[in-house]
Amino acid sequence: MEINSTIVRSLNRSYPITMEEKWAFAKRKPMFFGHVAAQYFLSTQKQKPSRKEMDVLTLAEQKEFQENEHHIQYFHWQGKGETVLLVHGWNGHTGNFSRIIPSLLEEGYNVVGIDLPGHGFSSGKYSNIVLSAKMVRRLTQIIGNPDYIITHSFGGAVATVAQELGVSANKLVYIAPPLRLEILRKSFSEYYQLTEEEQDSMRSVLERKVKQPLSSLDLSTAGPKFNNSLLVIHDEDDLEIPFSMGLTVSKAWKKSKLIKTKGLGHKMILRTESVKDEIIGFLKAD
């Protein structure tokens, strides 16, 4: 808030400053750069569910819990069977699983999906892995630990940190999981051509926000800690999260299976019949 008010005073504006304007200002004022870069990196862009996704979401009971300033929405499709928790990706929402949810319900599963902070119907404009993992842990304090967790992209990292915080599940499905936060930060830095000094400033602010070194947020080092079974599904043509990351994550788990798809990319993989069938088969297997 202090940085934002300084920017507002300097530009003498009464209307909100865009992130692009903050970025331009910070590039001229190095003392502010780390804060603005971290804010930019952690900013989310809420996507509205499509009509078809809403058709599935409206079949659930939409609920809310509050944790500090965060108002978190979650969806509950009641079933008599085992509980499946859905954790979406960055800039996503629970509706992204709309092609998978009906099949889970047909099998009798009790399904719960969470909109992470700054995503979907939950409050906020920013998010990060640790904050999101804490909200998942808070949800499990309400619904109990799930039997299974299905994630997409960023959701895999969130679910991994949530398990380090005490959440447990018998089986995990990670669709297109990232490997480590530091890789994503470096990609961001390369895209915006940040200097070493700017990168160090940004990293320092990020580590203060998540309250731990970025290097510790690594699925390959976390994996060996867990004894649950993991199914990784990753497309070799994924341009957002390279297939090599999913391969490395799969190798890190003691009990894992890797399924490689082709031509589906990062998002179509959630809408493909064969992927859905693989997930159901994995959950039902002894």
Protein backbone atom coordinates (compact mmCIF):
# COMPACT_ATOMS: atom_id res chain seq x y z
CA MET A 1 0.00 0.00 0.00
CA GLU A 2 2.84 2.39 0.76
CA ILE A 3 4.43 1.83 -2.62
CA ASN A 4 1.15 2.27 -4.43
CA SER A 5 0.37 5.54 -2.63
CA THR A 6 3.84 6.84 -3.49
CA ILE A 7 3.24 6.05 -7.15
CA VAL A 8 -0.16 7.72 -7.03
CA ARG A 9 1.27 10.86 -5.46
CA SER A 10 4.10 11.00 -7.97
CA LEU A 11 1.75 10.78 -10.93
CA ASN A 12 -0.85 13.02 -9.29
CA ARG A 13 -3.74 10.81 -10.36
CA SER A 14 -7.07 10.19 -8.64
CA TYR A 15 -7.90 7.04 -10.62
CA PRO A 16 -6.26 3.59 -10.22
CA ILE A 17 -2.80 3.04 -11.63
CA THR A 18 -2.48 0.12 -14.03
CA MET A 19 0.14 -2.55 -13.49
CA GLU A 20 1.85 -1.42 -16.70
CA GLU A 21 2.19 2.11 -15.32
CA LYS A 22 3.55 0.79 -12.04
CA TRP A 23 6.06 -1.29 -14.00
CA ALA A 24 7.23 1.70 -16.04
CA PHE A 25 7.56 3.79 -12.89
CA ALA A 26 9.50 1.09 -11.04
CA LYS A 27 11.96 0.69 -13.92
CA ARG A 28 12.89 4.32 -13.32
CA LYS A 29 12.95 3.91 -9.53
CA PRO A 30 15.10 0.84 -8.60
CA MET A 31 14.16 1.08 -4.92
CA PHE A 32 10.60 0.10 -5.86
CA PHE A 33 11.39 -2.44 -8.55
CA GLY A 34 11.43 -5.65 -6.50
CA HIS A 35 8.02 -4.93 -5.01
CA VAL A 36 6.38 -4.04 -8.32
CA ALA A 37 7.99 -6.97 -10.18
CA ALA A 38 6.83 -9.41 -7.49
CA GLN A 39 3.34 -7.91 -7.58
CA TYR A 40 3.29 -8.24 -11.37
CA PHE A 41 4.52 -11.85 -11.15
CA LEU A 42 1.84 -12.77 -8.57
CA SER A 43 -1.03 -10.90 -10.26
CA THR A 44 -3.86 -13.09 -11.49
CA GLN A 45 -6.26 -12.59 -14.37
CA LYS A 46 -9.62 -14.00 -13.44
CA GLN A 47 -11.26 -15.98 -16.21
CA LYS A 48 -15.03 -16.28 -16.32
CA PRO A 49 -16.36 -19.83 -16.64
CA SER A 50 -17.89 -20.62 -20.01
CA ARG A 51 -21.58 -21.43 -20.30
CA LYS A 52 -20.80 -25.15 -20.42
CA GLU A 53 -18.57 -24.86 -17.37
CA MET A 54 -21.29 -22.95 -15.53
CA ASP A 55 -23.76 -25.73 -16.37
CA VAL A 56 -21.58 -28.10 -14.35
CA LEU A 57 -20.80 -25.61 -11.56
CA THR A 58 -24.48 -24.87 -10.96
CA LEU A 59 -25.06 -28.55 -10.17
CA ALA A 60 -22.85 -28.13 -7.09
CA GLU A 61 -23.51 -26.43 -3.80
CA GLN A 62 -21.33 -23.32 -3.76
CA LYS A 63 -19.88 -22.57 -0.35
CA GLU A 64 -17.47 -20.09 1.19
CA PHE A 65 -15.00 -19.87 4.02
CA GLN A 66 -13.00 -16.90 5.20
CA GLU A 67 -9.37 -16.94 6.26
CA ASN A 68 -8.09 -13.51 7.29
CA GLU A 69 -8.93 -11.20 4.37
CA HIS A 70 -9.46 -14.06 1.93
CA HIS A 71 -12.98 -15.13 0.96
CA ILE A 72 -12.57 -18.54 -0.64
CA GLN A 73 -15.27 -20.18 -2.73
CA TYR A 74 -15.56 -23.92 -3.15
CA PHE A 75 -17.99 -26.24 -4.89
CA HIS A 76 -19.42 -29.47 -3.54
CA TRP A 77 -21.04 -32.16 -5.66
CA GLN A 78 -22.29 -34.59 -3.03
CA GLY A 79 -21.69 -38.26 -3.56
CA LYS A 80 -21.68 -41.31 -1.34
CA GLY A 81 -18.25 -42.52 -2.39
CA GLU A 82 -14.70 -41.42 -1.75
CA THR A 83 -13.83 -37.73 -1.84
CA VAL A 84 -12.00 -36.19 -4.79
CA LEU A 85 -10.50 -32.71 -4.41
CA LEU A 86 -9.93 -30.63 -7.55
CA VAL A 87 -7.23 -27.94 -7.63
CA HIS A 88 -7.07 -25.80 -10.78
CA GLY A 89 -4.13 -24.04 -12.45
CA TRP A 90 -2.91 -20.44 -12.60
CA ASN A 91 -5.61 -18.05 -13.85
CA GLY A 92 -8.01 -20.99 -13.85
CA HIS A 93 -11.02 -22.03 -11.79
CA THR A 94 -12.92 -25.13 -10.74
CA GLY A 95 -14.96 -25.01 -13.96
CA ASN A 96 -11.86 -26.07 -15.89
CA PHE A 97 -12.59 -29.62 -14.71
CA SER A 98 -16.12 -29.55 -16.17
CA ARG A 99 -15.38 -32.38 -18.62
CA ILE A 100 -14.05 -34.62 -15.85
CA ILE A 101 -16.56 -33.89 -13.07
CA PRO A 102 -19.59 -35.67 -14.64
CA SER A 103 -17.61 -38.90 -14.96
CA LEU A 104 -16.49 -38.66 -11.33
CA LEU A 105 -20.11 -38.21 -10.28
CA GLU A 106 -21.23 -41.16 -12.39
CA GLU A 107 -18.73 -43.29 -10.47
CA GLY A 108 -20.28 -42.11 -7.19
CA TYR A 109 -17.40 -39.96 -5.97
CA ASN A 110 -17.94 -37.07 -3.58
CA VAL A 111 -16.37 -34.14 -5.46
CA VAL A 112 -15.06 -30.83 -4.10
CA GLY A 113 -13.37 -28.08 -6.10
CA ILE A 114 -11.69 -24.97 -4.70
CA ASP A 115 -11.21 -21.60 -6.37
CA LEU A 116 -7.78 -20.51 -5.14
CA PRO A 117 -7.12 -16.95 -3.89
CA GLY A 118 -7.34 -14.43 -6.71
CA HIS A 119 -9.04 -17.00 -8.96
CA GLY A 120 -12.56 -17.86 -10.07
CA PHE A 121 -15.20 -16.69 -7.61
CA SER A 122 -12.73 -16.24 -4.72
CA SER A 123 -11.59 -12.81 -3.61
CA GLY A 124 -8.31 -11.10 -4.40
CA LYS A 125 -6.13 -10.05 -7.32
CA TYR A 126 -2.94 -11.86 -6.31
CA SER A 127 -1.93 -15.39 -5.39
CA ASN A 128 1.07 -17.58 -4.70
CA ILE A 129 1.83 -21.24 -4.10
CA VAL A 130 2.16 -21.10 -0.32
CA LEU A 131 -0.95 -18.94 0.22
CA SER A 132 -2.96 -21.24 -2.05
CA ALA A 133 -1.65 -24.34 -0.25
CA LYS A 134 -2.72 -22.85 3.07
CA MET A 135 -6.23 -22.33 1.70
CA VAL A 136 -6.32 -25.97 0.55
CA ARG A 137 -5.26 -27.03 4.04
CA ARG A 138 -7.98 -24.82 5.53
CA LEU A 139 -10.56 -26.44 3.24
CA THR A 140 -9.51 -29.92 4.35
CA GLN A 141 -10.07 -28.82 7.95
CA ILE A 142 -13.70 -28.33 6.90
CA ILE A 143 -14.28 -31.34 4.63
CA GLY A 144 -11.59 -33.69 5.94
CA ASN A 145 -8.63 -35.03 3.98
CA PRO A 146 -9.65 -36.19 0.49
CA ASP A 147 -9.03 -39.69 -0.76
CA TYR A 148 -7.78 -38.34 -4.08
CA ILE A 149 -6.52 -35.02 -5.41
CA ILE A 150 -6.69 -34.08 -9.10
CA THR A 151 -4.78 -31.00 -10.21
CA HIS A 152 -3.91 -29.04 -13.31
CA SER A 153 -0.68 -27.09 -13.82
CA PHE A 154 -0.01 -24.70 -10.87
CA GLY A 155 -2.47 -26.80 -8.86
CA GLY A 156 0.10 -29.61 -8.73
CA ALA A 157 2.58 -27.36 -6.97
CA VAL A 158 -0.15 -26.14 -4.61
CA ALA A 159 -1.19 -29.70 -3.75
CA THR A 160 2.44 -30.67 -3.09
CA VAL A 161 3.02 -27.79 -0.68
CA ALA A 162 -0.37 -28.50 0.94
CA GLN A 163 0.82 -32.05 1.65
CA GLU A 164 3.97 -30.67 3.22
CA LEU A 165 1.62 -28.63 5.43
CA GLY A 166 -0.23 -31.78 6.54
CA VAL A 167 -2.87 -32.49 3.90
CA SER A 168 -2.96 -36.15 2.86
CA ALA A 169 -4.49 -38.19 0.03
CA ASN A 170 -4.16 -41.79 -1.10
CA LYS A 171 -3.68 -40.95 -4.77
CA LEU A 172 -2.72 -37.88 -6.77
CA VAL A 173 -3.31 -36.95 -10.38
CA TYR A 174 -1.08 -34.14 -11.63
CA ILE A 175 -1.99 -32.91 -15.11
CA ALA A 176 0.83 -30.83 -16.64
CA PRO A 177 2.58 -30.05 -13.34
CA PRO A 178 5.32 -27.41 -13.05
CA LEU A 179 8.62 -28.44 -11.52
CA ARG A 180 9.75 -25.51 -9.39
CA LEU A 181 8.83 -21.87 -8.83
CA GLU A 182 12.38 -20.69 -9.50
CA ILE A 183 12.14 -21.88 -13.12
CA LEU A 184 8.95 -19.87 -13.62
CA ARG A 185 10.57 -16.82 -12.05
CA LYS A 186 13.55 -17.13 -14.39
CA SER A 187 11.24 -17.41 -17.41
CA PHE A 188 9.44 -14.26 -16.26
CA SER A 189 12.79 -12.48 -15.83
CA GLU A 190 14.00 -13.52 -19.28
CA TYR A 191 10.75 -12.46 -20.93
CA TYR A 192 10.98 -8.97 -19.38
CA GLN A 193 14.78 -8.85 -19.82
CA LEU A 194 15.46 -8.09 -16.16
CA THR A 195 18.98 -7.29 -15.05
CA GLU A 196 20.67 -9.41 -12.38
CA GLU A 197 20.11 -6.64 -9.86
CA GLU A 198 16.41 -6.46 -10.74
CA GLN A 199 16.10 -10.25 -10.50
CA ASP A 200 17.74 -10.30 -7.07
CA SER A 201 15.40 -7.56 -5.88
CA MET A 202 12.35 -9.43 -7.15
CA ARG A 203 13.51 -12.74 -5.66
CA SER A 204 14.07 -11.13 -2.27
CA VAL A 205 10.53 -9.74 -2.18
CA LEU A 206 9.00 -13.04 -3.34
CA GLU A 207 10.82 -14.96 -0.63
CA ARG A 208 9.54 -12.56 2.00
CA LYS A 209 6.00 -13.05 0.70
CA VAL A 210 6.11 -16.86 0.75
CA LYS A 211 8.30 -16.89 3.88
CA GLN A 212 10.77 -19.42 2.50
CA PRO A 213 13.48 -19.69 -0.18
CA LEU A 214 12.13 -20.10 -3.70
CA SER A 215 14.52 -23.03 -4.14
CA SER A 216 12.53 -24.96 -1.51
CA LEU A 217 9.39 -24.88 -3.69
CA ASP A 218 10.49 -27.81 -5.81
CA LEU A 219 8.30 -30.83 -6.62
CA SER A 220 11.30 -33.03 -7.39
CA THR A 221 12.72 -32.63 -3.88
CA ALA A 222 9.29 -32.86 -2.22
CA GLY A 223 8.23 -36.04 -4.05
CA PRO A 224 10.44 -38.53 -2.18
CA LYS A 225 8.78 -37.49 1.10
CA PHE A 226 5.44 -39.00 0.08
CA ASN A 227 4.24 -42.58 -0.11
CA ASN A 228 1.02 -42.01 -2.06
CA SER A 229 0.60 -43.00 -5.69
CA LEU A 230 0.97 -40.36 -8.39
CA LEU A 231 -0.33 -40.28 -11.95
CA VAL A 232 1.27 -37.59 -14.13
CA ILE A 233 -0.40 -36.78 -17.44
CA HIS A 234 1.53 -34.35 -19.63
CA ASP A 235 1.42 -33.43 -23.30
CA GLU A 236 4.69 -33.40 -25.20
CA ASP A 237 3.49 -30.32 -27.12
CA ASP A 238 2.73 -28.30 -23.98
CA LEU A 239 4.16 -24.81 -24.61
CA GLU A 240 3.39 -23.45 -21.13
CA ILE A 241 4.78 -26.19 -18.88
CA PRO A 242 7.29 -28.33 -20.80
CA PHE A 243 6.81 -32.10 -20.79
CA SER A 244 10.27 -32.46 -19.24
CA MET A 245 8.89 -30.98 -16.01
CA GLY A 246 6.17 -33.62 -15.75
CA LEU A 247 8.73 -36.32 -16.48
CA THR A 248 10.99 -35.09 -13.67
CA VAL A 249 8.09 -34.85 -11.23
CA SER A 250 7.03 -38.40 -12.07
CA LYS A 251 10.53 -39.74 -11.45
CA ALA A 252 10.65 -38.03 -8.04
CA TRP A 253 7.73 -40.00 -6.58
CA LYS A 254 8.28 -43.47 -5.15
CA LYS A 255 5.09 -44.79 -6.75
CA SER A 256 4.23 -43.06 -10.00
CA LYS A 257 2.96 -43.54 -13.52
CA LEU A 258 3.52 -41.18 -16.43
CA ILE A 259 1.18 -40.85 -19.40
CA LYS A 260 2.43 -38.82 -22.35
CA THR A 261 -0.10 -37.34 -24.75
CA LYS A 262 0.48 -35.55 -28.05
CA GLY A 263 -1.19 -32.61 -29.74
CA LEU A 264 -3.31 -31.56 -26.76
CA GLY A 265 -1.16 -28.75 -25.39
CA HIS A 266 -1.68 -27.28 -21.93
CA LYS A 267 -5.46 -26.83 -21.82
CA MET A 268 -7.07 -29.20 -24.31
CA ILE A 269 -5.66 -32.02 -22.19
CA LEU A 270 -8.43 -31.29 -19.65
CA ARG A 271 -11.12 -31.74 -22.28
CA THR A 272 -10.03 -35.02 -23.81
CA GLU A 273 -11.96 -38.27 -23.37
CA SER A 274 -8.91 -40.52 -23.20
CA VAL A 275 -7.38 -38.40 -20.42
CA LYS A 276 -10.61 -38.60 -18.44
CA ASP A 277 -10.67 -42.38 -18.87
CA GLU A 278 -7.07 -42.68 -17.64
CA ILE A 279 -7.92 -40.68 -14.52
CA ILE A 280 -10.99 -42.76 -13.67
CA GLY A 281 -9.06 -45.98 -14.26
CA PHE A 282 -6.25 -44.83 -11.99
CA LEU A 283 -8.62 -43.87 -9.16
CA LYS A 284 -10.49 -47.19 -9.37
CA ALA A 285 -7.40 -49.40 -9.53
CA ASP A 286 -6.31 -51.26 -6.40
